[in-house]
Structures are given as C-alpha cells and as structure tokens.
Amino acid sequence: MHKITSKRQVTLPQAVCNAIALQPGDYVEVFARDGVAHIVKMKSDSLAGRFADLTEGKAFPTDEEIDKALRMRAAKKLLADDRD
C-alpha cells in the first residue's frame, strides 16, 4: 500500500514501471474512469504533433484546451490495442 504525500505525490512501484517500460523523464497521463485511476505512458515524440490542430490559425492553446487534448489522447491510448 502506498501513501499519498501532502503534494499528492506517490512513488510508483518498480514492477509497475517495468511493466509499462516507464523511465525517469517519461511523460504520463493520469486520469480517473469509473472510480479507478489510470496511468498511461505517453511517448514524447507522439505528443509533439498532437497539438498542431489547436494552433492552426490562432493563438497558443489555453491550459484547458491542452488538458482536454491530453485527456483525449490518453483515453484513445487506453482503448487502443497497441499501447506502445
């Protein structure tokens, strides 16, 4: 069992990191669905192009737009058969 710190941090067990090949510096998306927290590893190179449609013809996206895009990407990744 792991305890959440006052900063809402928790240490991920080595077995979990190994299972999803999570390394220091990797990006993850954390979200809740049906009362369960999910951690999805995100490839930094696959994130780069995900915001292109948000910036086309307008100013840099708001924090809310970025958060929404990340949640949508994480949800798609969770539902995909190929989770690399």
PDB file of N, CA and C in Angstrom:
ATOM      1  N   MET A   1       0.855  -1.172   0.000  1.00  0.00           N
ATOM      2  CA  MET A   1       0.000   0.000   0.000  1.00  0.00           C
ATOM      3  C   MET A   1       0.901   1.235   0.000  1.00  0.00           C
ATOM      4  N   HIS A   2       0.488   2.248  -0.744  1.00  0.00           N
ATOM      5  CA  HIS A   2       1.272   3.469  -0.889  1.00  0.00           C
ATOM      6  C   HIS A   2       0.493   4.641  -0.337  1.00  0.00           C
ATOM      7  N   LYS A   3       1.206   5.573   0.266  1.00  0.00           N
ATOM      8  CA  LYS A   3       0.583   6.744   0.872  1.00  0.00           C
ATOM      9  C   LYS A   3       0.829   7.970  -0.004  1.00  0.00           C
ATOM     10  N   ILE A   4      -0.222   8.745  -0.239  1.00  0.00           N
ATOM     11  CA  ILE A   4      -0.125   9.984  -0.996  1.00  0.00           C
ATOM     12  C   ILE A   4       0.460  11.066  -0.086  1.00  0.00           C
ATOM     13  N   THR A   5       1.442  11.822  -0.582  1.00  0.00           N
ATOM     14  CA  THR A   5       2.042  12.886   0.214  1.00  0.00           C
ATOM     15  C   THR A   5       1.130  14.112   0.213  1.00  0.00           C
ATOM     16  N   SER A   6       1.506  15.116   0.989  1.00  0.00           N
ATOM     17  CA  SER A   6       0.724  16.357   1.042  1.00  0.00           C
ATOM     18  C   SER A   6       0.719  17.075  -0.302  1.00  0.00           C
ATOM     19  N   LYS A   7       1.681  16.769  -1.169  1.00  0.00           N
ATOM     20  CA  LYS A   7       1.738  17.336  -2.517  1.00  0.00           C
ATOM     21  C   LYS A   7       1.045  16.437  -3.538  1.00  0.00           C
ATOM     22  N   ARG A   8       0.300  15.448  -3.060  1.00  0.00           N
ATOM     23  CA  ARG A   8      -0.423  14.491  -3.905  1.00  0.00           C
ATOM     24  C   ARG A   8       0.514  13.649  -4.763  1.00  0.00           C
ATOM     25  N   GLN A   9       1.668  13.321  -4.222  1.00  0.00           N
ATOM     26  CA  GLN A   9       2.644  12.502  -4.936  1.00  0.00           C
ATOM     27  C   GLN A   9       2.644  11.098  -4.356  1.00  0.00           C
ATOM     28  N   VAL A  10       3.013  10.148  -5.202  1.00  0.00           N
ATOM     29  CA  VAL A  10       3.145   8.759  -4.783  1.00  0.00           C
ATOM     30  C   VAL A  10       4.303   8.153  -5.575  1.00  0.00           C
ATOM     31  N   THR A  11       5.028   7.246  -4.961  1.00  0.00           N
ATOM     32  CA  THR A  11       6.103   6.554  -5.650  1.00  0.00           C
ATOM     33  C   THR A  11       5.530   5.330  -6.357  1.00  0.00           C
ATOM     34  N   LEU A  12       5.815   5.221  -7.653  1.00  0.00           N
ATOM     35  CA  LEU A  12       5.338   4.065  -8.408  1.00  0.00           C
ATOM     36  C   LEU A  12       6.231   2.875  -8.119  1.00  0.00           C
ATOM     37  N   PRO A  13       5.652   1.729  -7.874  1.00  0.00           N
ATOM     38  CA  PRO A  13       6.456   0.527  -7.628  1.00  0.00           C
ATOM     39  C   PRO A  13       7.285   0.163  -8.862  1.00  0.00           C
ATOM     40  N   GLN A  14       8.457  -0.390  -8.620  1.00  0.00           N
ATOM     41  CA  GLN A  14       9.358  -0.797  -9.699  1.00  0.00           C
ATOM     42  C   GLN A  14       8.661  -1.746 -10.668  1.00  0.00           C
ATOM     43  N   ALA A  15       7.852  -2.660 -10.147  1.00  0.00           N
ATOM     44  CA  ALA A  15       7.161  -3.629 -11.005  1.00  0.00           C
ATOM     45  C   ALA A  15       6.219  -2.936 -11.984  1.00  0.00           C
ATOM     46  N   VAL A  16       5.554  -1.877 -11.534  1.00  0.00           N
ATOM     47  CA  VAL A  16       4.644  -1.131 -12.421  1.00  0.00           C
ATOM     48  C   VAL A  16       5.457  -0.419 -13.491  1.00  0.00           C
ATOM     49  N   CYS A  17       6.538   0.239 -13.087  1.00  0.00           N
ATOM     50  CA  CYS A  17       7.398   0.928 -14.056  1.00  0.00           C
ATOM     51  C   CYS A  17       7.949  -0.048 -15.086  1.00  0.00           C
ATOM     52  N   ASN A  18       8.382  -1.215 -14.626  1.00  0.00           N
ATOM     53  CA  ASN A  18       8.908  -2.223 -15.550  1.00  0.00           C
ATOM     54  C   ASN A  18       7.828  -2.726 -16.502  1.00  0.00           C
ATOM     55  N   ALA A  19       6.616  -2.893 -16.004  1.00  0.00           N
ATOM     56  CA  ALA A  19       5.523  -3.435 -16.811  1.00  0.00           C
ATOM     57  C   ALA A  19       5.175  -2.532 -17.989  1.00  0.00           C
ATOM     58  N   ILE A  20       5.327  -1.210 -17.809  1.00  0.00           N
ATOM     59  CA  ILE A  20       4.995  -0.287 -18.907  1.00  0.00           C
ATOM     60  C   ILE A  20       6.240   0.431 -19.429  1.00  0.00           C
ATOM     61  N   ALA A  21       7.425  -0.095 -19.066  1.00  0.00           N
ATOM     62  CA  ALA A  21       8.716   0.457 -19.519  1.00  0.00           C
ATOM     63  C   ALA A  21       8.825   1.947 -19.223  1.00  0.00           C
ATOM     64  N   LEU A  22       8.442   2.336 -18.030  1.00  0.00           N
ATOM     65  CA  LEU A  22       8.466   3.733 -17.605  1.00  0.00           C
ATOM     66  C   LEU A  22       9.834   4.077 -17.046  1.00  0.00           C
ATOM     67  N   GLN A  23      10.435   5.131 -17.579  1.00  0.00           N
ATOM     68  CA  GLN A  23      11.770   5.573 -17.175  1.00  0.00           C
ATOM     69  C   GLN A  23      11.704   7.012 -16.670  1.00  0.00           C
ATOM     70  N   PRO A  24      12.685   7.434 -15.849  1.00  0.00           N
ATOM     71  CA  PRO A  24      12.731   8.838 -15.427  1.00  0.00           C
ATOM     72  C   PRO A  24      12.725   9.760 -16.645  1.00  0.00           C
ATOM     73  N   GLY A  25      11.928  10.806 -16.591  1.00  0.00           N
ATOM     74  CA  GLY A  25      11.811  11.752 -17.700  1.00  0.00           C
ATOM     75  C   GLY A  25      10.692  11.430 -18.668  1.00  0.00           C
ATOM     76  N   ASP A  26      10.106  10.243 -18.573  1.00  0.00           N
ATOM     77  CA  ASP A  26       8.977   9.891 -19.440  1.00  0.00           C
ATOM     78  C   ASP A  26       7.745  10.713 -19.065  1.00  0.00           C
ATOM     79  N   TYR A  27       6.859  10.891 -20.018  1.00  0.00           N
ATOM     80  CA  TYR A  27       5.603  11.581 -19.789  1.00  0.00           C
ATOM     81  C   TYR A  27       4.502  10.569 -19.524  1.00  0.00           C
ATOM     82  N   VAL A  28       3.632  10.887 -18.593  1.00  0.00           N
ATOM     83  CA  VAL A  28       2.475  10.048 -18.320  1.00  0.00           C
ATOM     84  C   VAL A  28       1.241  10.932 -18.246  1.00  0.00           C
ATOM     85  N   GLU A  29       0.112  10.342 -18.514  1.00  0.00           N
ATOM     86  CA  GLU A  29      -1.186  10.985 -18.300  1.00  0.00           C
ATOM     87  C   GLU A  29      -1.863  10.191 -17.201  1.00  0.00           C
ATOM     88  N   VAL A  30      -2.422  10.893 -16.244  1.00  0.00           N
ATOM     89  CA  VAL A  30      -3.125  10.263 -15.140  1.00  0.00           C
ATOM     90  C   VAL A  30      -4.564  10.759 -15.184  1.00  0.00           C
ATOM     91  N   PHE A  31      -5.513   9.827 -15.180  1.00  0.00           N
ATOM     92  CA  PHE A  31      -6.923  10.213 -15.206  1.00  0.00           C
ATOM     93  C   PHE A  31      -7.744   9.154 -14.499  1.00  0.00           C
ATOM     94  N   ALA A  32      -8.953   9.526 -14.153  1.00  0.00           N
ATOM     95  CA  ALA A  32      -9.857   8.604 -13.459  1.00  0.00           C
ATOM     96  C   ALA A  32     -10.996   8.211 -14.386  1.00  0.00           C
ATOM     97  N   ARG A  33     -11.374   6.947 -14.309  1.00  0.00           N
ATOM     98  CA  ARG A  33     -12.526   6.454 -15.055  1.00  0.00           C
ATOM     99  C   ARG A  33     -13.199   5.400 -14.186  1.00  0.00           C
ATOM    100  N   ASP A  34     -14.482   5.588 -13.957  1.00  0.00           N
ATOM    101  CA  ASP A  34     -15.270   4.641 -13.162  1.00  0.00           C
ATOM    102  C   ASP A  34     -14.649   4.387 -11.792  1.00  0.00           C
ATOM    103  N   GLY A  35     -14.120   5.442 -11.175  1.00  0.00           N
ATOM    104  CA  GLY A  35     -13.563   5.328  -9.840  1.00  0.00           C
ATOM    105  C   GLY A  35     -12.189   4.696  -9.761  1.00  0.00           C
ATOM    106  N   VAL A  36     -11.535   4.495 -10.901  1.00  0.00           N
ATOM    107  CA  VAL A  36     -10.205   3.882 -10.936  1.00  0.00           C
ATOM    108  C   VAL A  36      -9.233   4.865 -11.575  1.00  0.00           C
ATOM    109  N   ALA A  37      -8.082   5.076 -10.943  1.00  0.00           N
ATOM    110  CA  ALA A  37      -7.046   5.936 -11.506  1.00  0.00           C
ATOM    111  C   ALA A  37      -6.230   5.138 -12.516  1.00  0.00           C
ATOM    112  N   HIS A  38      -5.933   5.746 -13.640  1.00  0.00           N
ATOM    113  CA  HIS A  38      -5.149   5.113 -14.699  1.00  0.00           C
ATOM    114  C   HIS A  38      -3.900   5.948 -14.961  1.00  0.00           C
ATOM    115  N   ILE A  39      -2.784   5.287 -15.184  1.00  0.00           N
ATOM    116  CA  ILE A  39      -1.541   5.937 -15.580  1.00  0.00           C
ATOM    117  C   ILE A  39      -1.196   5.403 -16.955  1.00  0.00           C
ATOM    118  N   VAL A  40      -1.085   6.306 -17.925  1.00  0.00           N
ATOM    119  CA  VAL A  40      -0.793   5.907 -19.302  1.00  0.00           C
ATOM    120  C   VAL A  40       0.519   6.561 -19.716  1.00  0.00           C
ATOM    121  N   LYS A  41       1.480   5.747 -20.130  1.00  0.00           N
ATOM    122  CA  LYS A  41       2.748   6.282 -20.620  1.00  0.00           C
ATOM    123  C   LYS A  41       2.510   6.935 -21.976  1.00  0.00           C
ATOM    124  N   MET A  42       3.047   8.142 -22.125  1.00  0.00           N
ATOM    125  CA  MET A  42       2.904   8.874 -23.371  1.00  0.00           C
ATOM    126  C   MET A  42       4.286   9.026 -23.998  1.00  0.00           C
ATOM    127  N   LYS A  43       4.405   8.761 -25.276  1.00  0.00           N
ATOM    128  CA  LYS A  43       5.670   8.970 -25.975  1.00  0.00           C
ATOM    129  C   LYS A  43       5.803  10.460 -26.277  1.00  0.00           C
ATOM    130  N   SER A  44       6.918  11.062 -25.908  1.00  0.00           N
ATOM    131  CA  SER A  44       7.094  12.496 -26.143  1.00  0.00           C
ATOM    132  C   SER A  44       7.085  12.824 -27.626  1.00  0.00           C
ATOM    133  N   ASP A  45       7.613  11.943 -28.466  1.00  0.00           N
ATOM    134  CA  ASP A  45       7.611  12.223 -29.902  1.00  0.00           C
ATOM    135  C   ASP A  45       6.209  12.151 -30.486  1.00  0.00           C
ATOM    136  N   SER A  46       5.322  11.355 -29.903  1.00  0.00           N
ATOM    137  CA  SER A  46       3.959  11.282 -30.411  1.00  0.00           C
ATOM    138  C   SER A  46       3.115  12.444 -29.905  1.00  0.00           C
ATOM    139  N   LEU A  47       3.553  13.107 -28.846  1.00  0.00           N
ATOM    140  CA  LEU A  47       2.816  14.261 -28.335  1.00  0.00           C
ATOM    141  C   LEU A  47       3.054  15.502 -29.182  1.00  0.00           C
ATOM    142  N   ALA A  48       4.227  15.606 -29.799  1.00  0.00           N
ATOM    143  CA  ALA A  48       4.607  16.823 -30.498  1.00  0.00           C
ATOM    144  C   ALA A  48       3.595  17.239 -31.551  1.00  0.00           C
ATOM    145  N   GLY A  49       3.108  16.315 -32.360  1.00  0.00           N
ATOM    146  CA  GLY A  49       2.180  16.659 -33.423  1.00  0.00           C
ATOM    147  C   GLY A  49       0.725  16.713 -33.000  1.00  0.00           C
ATOM    148  N   ARG A  50       0.440  16.337 -31.789  1.00  0.00           N
ATOM    149  CA  ARG A  50      -0.949  16.261 -31.340  1.00  0.00           C
ATOM    150  C   ARG A  50      -1.598  17.624 -31.151  1.00  0.00           C
ATOM    151  N   PHE A  51      -0.793  18.682 -31.046  1.00  0.00           N
ATOM    152  CA  PHE A  51      -1.351  20.000 -30.796  1.00  0.00           C
ATOM    153  C   PHE A  51      -1.391  20.867 -32.051  1.00  0.00           C
ATOM    154  N   ALA A  52      -0.971  20.321 -33.182  1.00  0.00           N
ATOM    155  CA  ALA A  52      -0.921  21.106 -34.414  1.00  0.00           C
ATOM    156  C   ALA A  52      -2.278  21.689 -34.773  1.00  0.00           C
ATOM    157  N   ASP A  53      -3.344  20.912 -34.627  1.00  0.00           N
ATOM    158  CA  ASP A  53      -4.671  21.406 -34.986  1.00  0.00           C
ATOM    159  C   ASP A  53      -5.168  22.468 -34.009  1.00  0.00           C
ATOM    160  N   LEU A  54      -4.606  22.513 -32.810  1.00  0.00           N
ATOM    161  CA  LEU A  54      -5.018  23.528 -31.834  1.00  0.00           C
ATOM    162  C   LEU A  54      -4.439  24.901 -32.146  1.00  0.00           C
ATOM    163  N   THR A  55      -3.263  24.945 -32.773  1.00  0.00           N
ATOM    164  CA  THR A  55      -2.581  26.216 -33.002  1.00  0.00           C
ATOM    165  C   THR A  55      -2.789  26.773 -34.407  1.00  0.00           C
ATOM    166  N   GLU A  56      -3.378  25.997 -35.284  1.00  0.00           N
ATOM    167  CA  GLU A  56      -3.535  26.428 -36.667  1.00  0.00           C
ATOM    168  C   GLU A  56      -4.450  27.640 -36.760  1.00  0.00           C
ATOM    169  N   GLY A  57      -3.873  28.771 -37.194  1.00  0.00           N
ATOM    170  CA  GLY A  57      -4.651  29.975 -37.413  1.00  0.00           C
ATOM    171  C   GLY A  57      -5.093  30.705 -36.156  1.00  0.00           C
ATOM    172  N   LYS A  58      -4.546  30.368 -35.001  1.00  0.00           N
ATOM    173  CA  LYS A  58      -4.931  31.085 -33.785  1.00  0.00           C
ATOM    174  C   LYS A  58      -3.787  31.067 -32.774  1.00  0.00           C
ATOM    175  N   ALA A  59      -4.016  31.752 -31.665  1.00  0.00           N
ATOM    176  CA  ALA A  59      -3.002  31.865 -30.622  1.00  0.00           C
ATOM    177  C   ALA A  59      -2.748  30.509 -29.973  1.00  0.00           C
ATOM    178  N   PHE A  60      -1.692  30.457 -29.167  1.00  0.00           N
ATOM    179  CA  PHE A  60      -1.350  29.237 -28.455  1.00  0.00           C
ATOM    180  C   PHE A  60      -2.549  28.776 -27.635  1.00  0.00           C
ATOM    181  N   PRO A  61      -2.798  27.462 -27.552  1.00  0.00           N
ATOM    182  CA  PRO A  61      -3.979  26.956 -26.846  1.00  0.00           C
ATOM    183  C   PRO A  61      -3.962  27.279 -25.353  1.00  0.00           C
ATOM    184  N   THR A  62      -5.155  27.363 -24.798  1.00  0.00           N
ATOM    185  CA  THR A  62      -5.295  27.605 -23.368  1.00  0.00           C
ATOM    186  C   THR A  62      -4.937  26.344 -22.591  1.00  0.00           C
ATOM    187  N   ASP A  63      -4.748  26.499 -21.294  1.00  0.00           N
ATOM    188  CA  ASP A  63      -4.474  25.333 -20.446  1.00  0.00           C
ATOM    189  C   ASP A  63      -5.600  24.315 -20.544  1.00  0.00           C
ATOM    190  N   GLU A  64      -6.834  24.792 -20.621  1.00  0.00           N
ATOM    191  CA  GLU A  64      -7.985  23.891 -20.709  1.00  0.00           C
ATOM    192  C   GLU A  64      -7.963  23.096 -22.016  1.00  0.00           C
ATOM    193  N   GLU A  65      -7.604  23.763 -23.117  1.00  0.00           N
ATOM    194  CA  GLU A  65      -7.529  23.069 -24.405  1.00  0.00           C
ATOM    195  C   GLU A  65      -6.414  22.019 -24.408  1.00  0.00           C
ATOM    196  N   ILE A  66      -5.288  22.340 -23.802  1.00  0.00           N
ATOM    197  CA  ILE A  66      -4.182  21.388 -23.713  1.00  0.00           C
ATOM    198  C   ILE A  66      -4.584  20.198 -22.852  1.00  0.00           C
ATOM    199  N   ASP A  67      -5.200  20.471 -21.693  1.00  0.00           N
ATOM    200  CA  ASP A  67      -5.650  19.385 -20.814  1.00  0.00           C
ATOM    201  C   ASP A  67      -6.646  18.480 -21.520  1.00  0.00           C
ATOM    202  N   LYS A  68      -7.573  19.069 -22.269  1.00  0.00           N
ATOM    203  CA  LYS A  68      -8.564  18.270 -22.988  1.00  0.00           C
ATOM    204  C   LYS A  68      -7.896  17.390 -24.042  1.00  0.00           C
ATOM    205  N   ALA A  69      -6.939  17.954 -24.778  1.00  0.00           N
ATOM    206  CA  ALA A  69      -6.236  17.186 -25.812  1.00  0.00           C
ATOM    207  C   ALA A  69      -5.455  16.030 -25.186  1.00  0.00           C
ATOM    208  N   LEU A  70      -4.813  16.280 -24.048  1.00  0.00           N
ATOM    209  CA  LEU A  70      -4.075  15.211 -23.374  1.00  0.00           C
ATOM    210  C   LEU A  70      -5.001  14.116 -22.868  1.00  0.00           C
ATOM    211  N   ARG A  71      -6.152  14.506 -22.301  1.00  0.00           N
ATOM    212  CA  ARG A  71      -7.109  13.504 -21.817  1.00  0.00           C
ATOM    213  C   ARG A  71      -7.643  12.662 -22.967  1.00  0.00           C
ATOM    214  N   MET A  72      -7.944  13.310 -24.097  1.00  0.00           N
ATOM    215  CA  MET A  72      -8.454  12.577 -25.259  1.00  0.00           C
ATOM    216  C   MET A  72      -7.399  11.613 -25.779  1.00  0.00           C
ATOM    217  N   ARG A  73      -6.135  12.050 -25.837  1.00  0.00           N
ATOM    218  CA  ARG A  73      -5.047  11.192 -26.318  1.00  0.00           C
ATOM    219  C   ARG A  73      -4.863  10.001 -25.377  1.00  0.00           C
ATOM    220  N   ALA A  74      -4.903  10.257 -24.066  1.00  0.00           N
ATOM    221  CA  ALA A  74      -4.730   9.174 -23.104  1.00  0.00           C
ATOM    222  C   ALA A  74      -5.883   8.181 -23.202  1.00  0.00           C
ATOM    223  N   ALA A  75      -7.104   8.687 -23.371  1.00  0.00           N
ATOM    224  CA  ALA A  75      -8.258   7.800 -23.480  1.00  0.00           C
ATOM    225  C   ALA A  75      -8.156   6.937 -24.736  1.00  0.00           C
ATOM    226  N   LYS A  76      -7.743   7.536 -25.846  1.00  0.00           N
ATOM    227  CA  LYS A  76      -7.565   6.769 -27.081  1.00  0.00           C
ATOM    228  C   LYS A  76      -6.492   5.705 -26.901  1.00  0.00           C
ATOM    229  N   LYS A  77      -5.408   6.074 -26.214  1.00  0.00           N
ATOM    230  CA  LYS A  77      -4.316   5.132 -25.983  1.00  0.00           C
ATOM    231  C   LYS A  77      -4.787   3.974 -25.109  1.00  0.00           C
ATOM    232  N   LEU A  78      -5.599   4.266 -24.106  1.00  0.00           N
ATOM    233  CA  LEU A  78      -6.116   3.224 -23.219  1.00  0.00           C
ATOM    234  C   LEU A  78      -7.001   2.245 -23.976  1.00  0.00           C
ATOM    235  N   LEU A  79      -7.773   2.741 -24.918  1.00  0.00           N
ATOM    236  CA  LEU A  79      -8.706   1.903 -25.662  1.00  0.00           C
ATOM    237  C   LEU A  79      -8.068   1.195 -26.844  1.00  0.00           C
ATOM    238  N   ALA A  80      -6.876   1.632 -27.234  1.00  0.00           N
ATOM    239  CA  ALA A  80      -6.204   1.062 -28.402  1.00  0.00           C
ATOM    240  C   ALA A  80      -5.646  -0.317 -28.078  1.00  0.00           C
ATOM    241  N   ASP A  81      -5.565  -1.148 -29.102  1.00  0.00           N
ATOM    242  CA  ASP A  81      -4.960  -2.471 -28.944  1.00  0.00           C
ATOM    243  C   ASP A  81      -3.451  -2.372 -28.796  1.00  0.00           C
ATOM    244  N   ASP A  82      -2.832  -1.409 -29.508  1.00  0.00           N
ATOM    245  CA  ASP A  82      -1.394  -1.226 -29.495  1.00  0.00           C
ATOM    246  C   ASP A  82      -1.067  -0.095 -28.519  1.00  0.00           C
ATOM    247  N   ARG A  83      -0.518  -0.442 -27.377  1.00  0.00           N
ATOM    248  CA  ARG A  83      -0.275   0.562 -26.321  1.00  0.00           C
ATOM    249  C   ARG A  83       1.187   0.896 -26.168  1.00  0.00           C
ATOM    250  N   ASP A  84       1.958   0.927 -27.242  1.00  0.00           N
ATOM    251  CA  ASP A  84       3.377   1.246 -27.111  1.00  0.00           C
ATOM    252  C   ASP A  84       3.621   2.706 -26.903  1.00  0.00           C
TER     253      ASP A  84
END
